[in-house]
Amino acid sequence: MTTYAWTSPNSFTANTQNPSINNATVLASGLYAVVLTNSNNCSATGTVNVTINPTPIVNPIATPTAICMEIRLH
């Protein structure tokens, strides 16, 4: 059996193979490290740099306007 020990910014820790952070913010950006240890007590370390971009703010480009049509009766 292999165990996982993740550490990263903001005091995040996890012990699953593929951890996730719900509603992550830019504060979760940084270097994530994991130590894998197998049943023979052999271990390996890996790191990955993660960048979380801020949520974009959407502003309307145009304001809806009324459309008037001219109707001619013959």
N, C-alpha and C. Protein backbone atom coordinates (compact mmCIF):
# COMPACT_ATOMS: atom_id res chain seq x y z
N MET A 1 0.83 -1.18 0.00
CA MET A 1 0.00 0.00 0.00
C MET A 1 0.88 1.24 0.00
N THR A 2 0.49 2.24 -0.78
CA THR A 2 1.23 3.50 -0.87
C THR A 2 0.47 4.57 -0.10
N THR A 3 1.19 5.37 0.67
CA THR A 3 0.58 6.50 1.37
C THR A 3 1.06 7.79 0.71
N TYR A 4 0.24 8.82 0.85
CA TYR A 4 0.52 10.13 0.25
C TYR A 4 0.46 11.19 1.34
N ALA A 5 1.41 12.11 1.31
CA ALA A 5 1.43 13.22 2.27
C ALA A 5 1.68 14.51 1.49
N TRP A 6 0.59 15.26 1.23
CA TRP A 6 0.66 16.52 0.48
C TRP A 6 0.79 17.69 1.44
N THR A 7 1.59 18.69 1.04
CA THR A 7 1.67 19.97 1.75
C THR A 7 1.73 21.07 0.69
N SER A 8 1.24 22.25 1.07
CA SER A 8 1.25 23.37 0.13
C SER A 8 0.95 24.66 0.87
N PRO A 9 0.81 25.76 0.10
CA PRO A 9 0.51 27.05 0.73
C PRO A 9 -0.80 27.01 1.53
N ASN A 10 -0.97 28.00 2.39
CA ASN A 10 -2.19 28.14 3.20
C ASN A 10 -2.42 26.96 4.13
N SER A 11 -1.37 26.27 4.51
CA SER A 11 -1.45 25.14 5.46
C SER A 11 -2.29 23.98 4.94
N PHE A 12 -2.44 23.86 3.63
CA PHE A 12 -3.19 22.74 3.04
C PHE A 12 -2.40 21.46 3.23
N THR A 13 -3.06 20.42 3.67
CA THR A 13 -2.48 19.08 3.74
C THR A 13 -3.53 18.08 3.26
N ALA A 14 -3.06 16.97 2.73
CA ALA A 14 -3.98 15.92 2.29
C ALA A 14 -3.22 14.60 2.28
N ASN A 15 -3.96 13.50 2.37
CA ASN A 15 -3.34 12.18 2.34
C ASN A 15 -3.96 11.27 1.29
N THR A 16 -4.56 11.87 0.27
CA THR A 16 -5.12 11.10 -0.84
C THR A 16 -4.23 11.25 -2.07
N GLN A 17 -4.38 10.34 -3.01
CA GLN A 17 -3.55 10.38 -4.21
C GLN A 17 -3.80 11.63 -5.04
N ASN A 18 -5.06 12.00 -5.22
CA ASN A 18 -5.43 13.15 -6.05
C ASN A 18 -6.31 14.11 -5.26
N PRO A 19 -5.73 14.91 -4.38
CA PRO A 19 -6.56 15.82 -3.58
C PRO A 19 -7.09 16.97 -4.43
N SER A 20 -8.13 17.61 -3.93
CA SER A 20 -8.68 18.79 -4.59
C SER A 20 -9.06 19.80 -3.52
N ILE A 21 -9.14 21.06 -3.94
CA ILE A 21 -9.54 22.14 -3.04
C ILE A 21 -10.78 22.79 -3.65
N ASN A 22 -11.91 22.66 -2.98
CA ASN A 22 -13.14 23.29 -3.45
C ASN A 22 -13.05 24.80 -3.26
N ASN A 23 -13.53 25.55 -4.24
CA ASN A 23 -13.57 27.01 -4.17
C ASN A 23 -12.20 27.61 -3.89
N ALA A 24 -11.17 27.09 -4.55
CA ALA A 24 -9.81 27.60 -4.36
C ALA A 24 -9.71 29.05 -4.81
N THR A 25 -8.93 29.83 -4.10
CA THR A 25 -8.70 31.22 -4.45
C THR A 25 -7.23 31.39 -4.82
N VAL A 26 -6.86 32.60 -5.21
CA VAL A 26 -5.46 32.86 -5.58
C VAL A 26 -4.51 32.58 -4.42
N LEU A 27 -5.02 32.59 -3.20
CA LEU A 27 -4.17 32.28 -2.05
C LEU A 27 -3.69 30.83 -2.05
N ALA A 28 -4.33 29.97 -2.84
CA ALA A 28 -3.93 28.57 -2.92
C ALA A 28 -2.82 28.36 -3.95
N SER A 29 -2.38 29.42 -4.62
CA SER A 29 -1.29 29.31 -5.59
C SER A 29 0.02 29.05 -4.86
N GLY A 30 0.91 28.31 -5.52
CA GLY A 30 2.23 28.08 -4.93
C GLY A 30 2.73 26.69 -5.20
N LEU A 31 3.75 26.30 -4.47
CA LEU A 31 4.40 25.01 -4.66
C LEU A 31 3.72 23.94 -3.81
N TYR A 32 3.26 22.88 -4.46
CA TYR A 32 2.65 21.74 -3.79
C TYR A 32 3.66 20.60 -3.80
N ALA A 33 3.82 19.95 -2.65
CA ALA A 33 4.77 18.84 -2.54
C ALA A 33 4.04 17.60 -2.03
N VAL A 34 4.47 16.45 -2.52
CA VAL A 34 3.90 15.19 -2.06
C VAL A 34 5.04 14.21 -1.77
N VAL A 35 4.87 13.46 -0.69
CA VAL A 35 5.79 12.38 -0.34
C VAL A 35 5.00 11.08 -0.41
N LEU A 36 5.48 10.17 -1.28
CA LEU A 36 4.85 8.86 -1.41
C LEU A 36 5.70 7.85 -0.64
N THR A 37 5.05 7.00 0.14
CA THR A 37 5.76 5.97 0.88
C THR A 37 5.06 4.64 0.64
N ASN A 38 5.84 3.62 0.24
CA ASN A 38 5.22 2.31 -0.02
C ASN A 38 5.34 1.41 1.20
N SER A 39 4.83 0.20 1.08
CA SER A 39 4.80 -0.74 2.20
C SER A 39 6.20 -1.19 2.63
N ASN A 40 7.21 -1.01 1.80
CA ASN A 40 8.59 -1.33 2.17
C ASN A 40 9.30 -0.13 2.80
N ASN A 41 8.55 0.93 3.07
CA ASN A 41 9.06 2.16 3.65
C ASN A 41 10.02 2.91 2.72
N CYS A 42 9.89 2.66 1.42
CA CYS A 42 10.63 3.44 0.42
C CYS A 42 9.79 4.66 0.09
N SER A 43 10.45 5.79 -0.08
CA SER A 43 9.68 7.00 -0.35
C SER A 43 10.26 7.80 -1.51
N ALA A 44 9.42 8.62 -2.10
CA ALA A 44 9.81 9.51 -3.18
C ALA A 44 9.05 10.81 -2.99
N THR A 45 9.66 11.90 -3.45
CA THR A 45 9.05 13.22 -3.31
C THR A 45 8.84 13.84 -4.68
N GLY A 46 7.73 14.53 -4.84
CA GLY A 46 7.47 15.25 -6.07
C GLY A 46 6.88 16.61 -5.74
N THR A 47 7.08 17.56 -6.65
CA THR A 47 6.52 18.90 -6.46
C THR A 47 5.89 19.39 -7.75
N VAL A 48 4.94 20.31 -7.61
CA VAL A 48 4.32 20.96 -8.77
C VAL A 48 3.95 22.38 -8.36
N ASN A 49 4.21 23.33 -9.25
CA ASN A 49 3.83 24.71 -8.99
C ASN A 49 2.44 24.95 -9.58
N VAL A 50 1.52 25.44 -8.77
CA VAL A 50 0.12 25.63 -9.17
C VAL A 50 -0.21 27.12 -9.14
N THR A 51 -0.86 27.60 -10.21
CA THR A 51 -1.33 28.98 -10.27
C THR A 51 -2.85 28.99 -10.35
N ILE A 52 -3.47 29.68 -9.42
CA ILE A 52 -4.92 29.87 -9.42
C ILE A 52 -5.18 31.30 -9.88
N ASN A 53 -5.88 31.47 -10.97
CA ASN A 53 -6.21 32.80 -11.47
C ASN A 53 -7.48 33.31 -10.81
N PRO A 54 -7.58 34.63 -10.61
CA PRO A 54 -8.80 35.17 -10.01
C PRO A 54 -10.00 34.97 -10.94
N THR A 55 -11.17 34.88 -10.34
CA THR A 55 -12.40 34.77 -11.11
C THR A 55 -12.64 36.08 -11.84
N PRO A 56 -12.84 36.02 -13.15
CA PRO A 56 -13.06 37.28 -13.88
C PRO A 56 -14.38 37.93 -13.50
N ILE A 57 -14.40 39.25 -13.58
CA ILE A 57 -15.62 40.01 -13.32
C ILE A 57 -16.23 40.36 -14.68
N VAL A 58 -17.47 39.98 -14.87
CA VAL A 58 -18.14 40.20 -16.15
C VAL A 58 -19.00 41.46 -16.04
N ASN A 59 -18.74 42.40 -16.94
CA ASN A 59 -19.54 43.62 -17.02
C ASN A 59 -20.27 43.62 -18.35
N PRO A 60 -21.54 44.01 -18.35
CA PRO A 60 -22.26 44.05 -19.62
C PRO A 60 -21.64 45.10 -20.55
N ILE A 61 -21.57 44.77 -21.82
CA ILE A 61 -20.98 45.67 -22.80
C ILE A 61 -22.01 46.67 -23.32
N ALA A 62 -23.21 46.22 -23.52
CA ALA A 62 -24.24 47.10 -24.09
C ALA A 62 -25.48 47.06 -23.21
N THR A 63 -26.18 48.19 -23.21
CA THR A 63 -27.44 48.27 -22.49
C THR A 63 -28.57 48.05 -23.49
N PRO A 64 -29.48 47.15 -23.20
CA PRO A 64 -30.58 46.91 -24.14
C PRO A 64 -31.41 48.18 -24.35
N THR A 65 -31.81 48.41 -25.58
CA THR A 65 -32.67 49.56 -25.90
C THR A 65 -33.90 49.07 -26.62
N ALA A 66 -34.94 49.85 -26.52
CA ALA A 66 -36.19 49.50 -27.20
C ALA A 66 -36.02 49.69 -28.70
N ILE A 67 -36.64 48.83 -29.46
CA ILE A 67 -36.62 48.92 -30.92
C ILE A 67 -38.00 49.32 -31.38
N CYS A 68 -38.07 50.41 -32.12
CA CYS A 68 -39.35 50.88 -32.65
C CYS A 68 -39.40 50.61 -34.14
N MET A 69 -40.54 50.13 -34.59
CA MET A 69 -40.72 49.87 -36.02
C MET A 69 -41.86 50.73 -36.53
N GLU A 70 -41.69 51.26 -37.72
CA GLU A 70 -42.73 52.06 -38.33
C GLU A 70 -43.59 51.13 -39.18
N ILE A 71 -44.90 51.18 -38.95
CA ILE A 71 -45.81 50.33 -39.70
C ILE A 71 -46.67 51.26 -40.57
N ARG A 72 -46.70 51.00 -41.86
CA ARG A 72 -47.50 51.81 -42.79
C ARG A 72 -48.64 50.96 -43.32
N LEU A 73 -49.80 51.49 -43.25
CA LEU A 73 -50.97 50.80 -43.81
C LEU A 73 -51.31 51.44 -45.14
N HIS A 74 -51.57 50.65 -46.13
CA HIS A 74 -51.91 51.17 -47.47
C HIS A 74 -53.37 50.96 -47.75
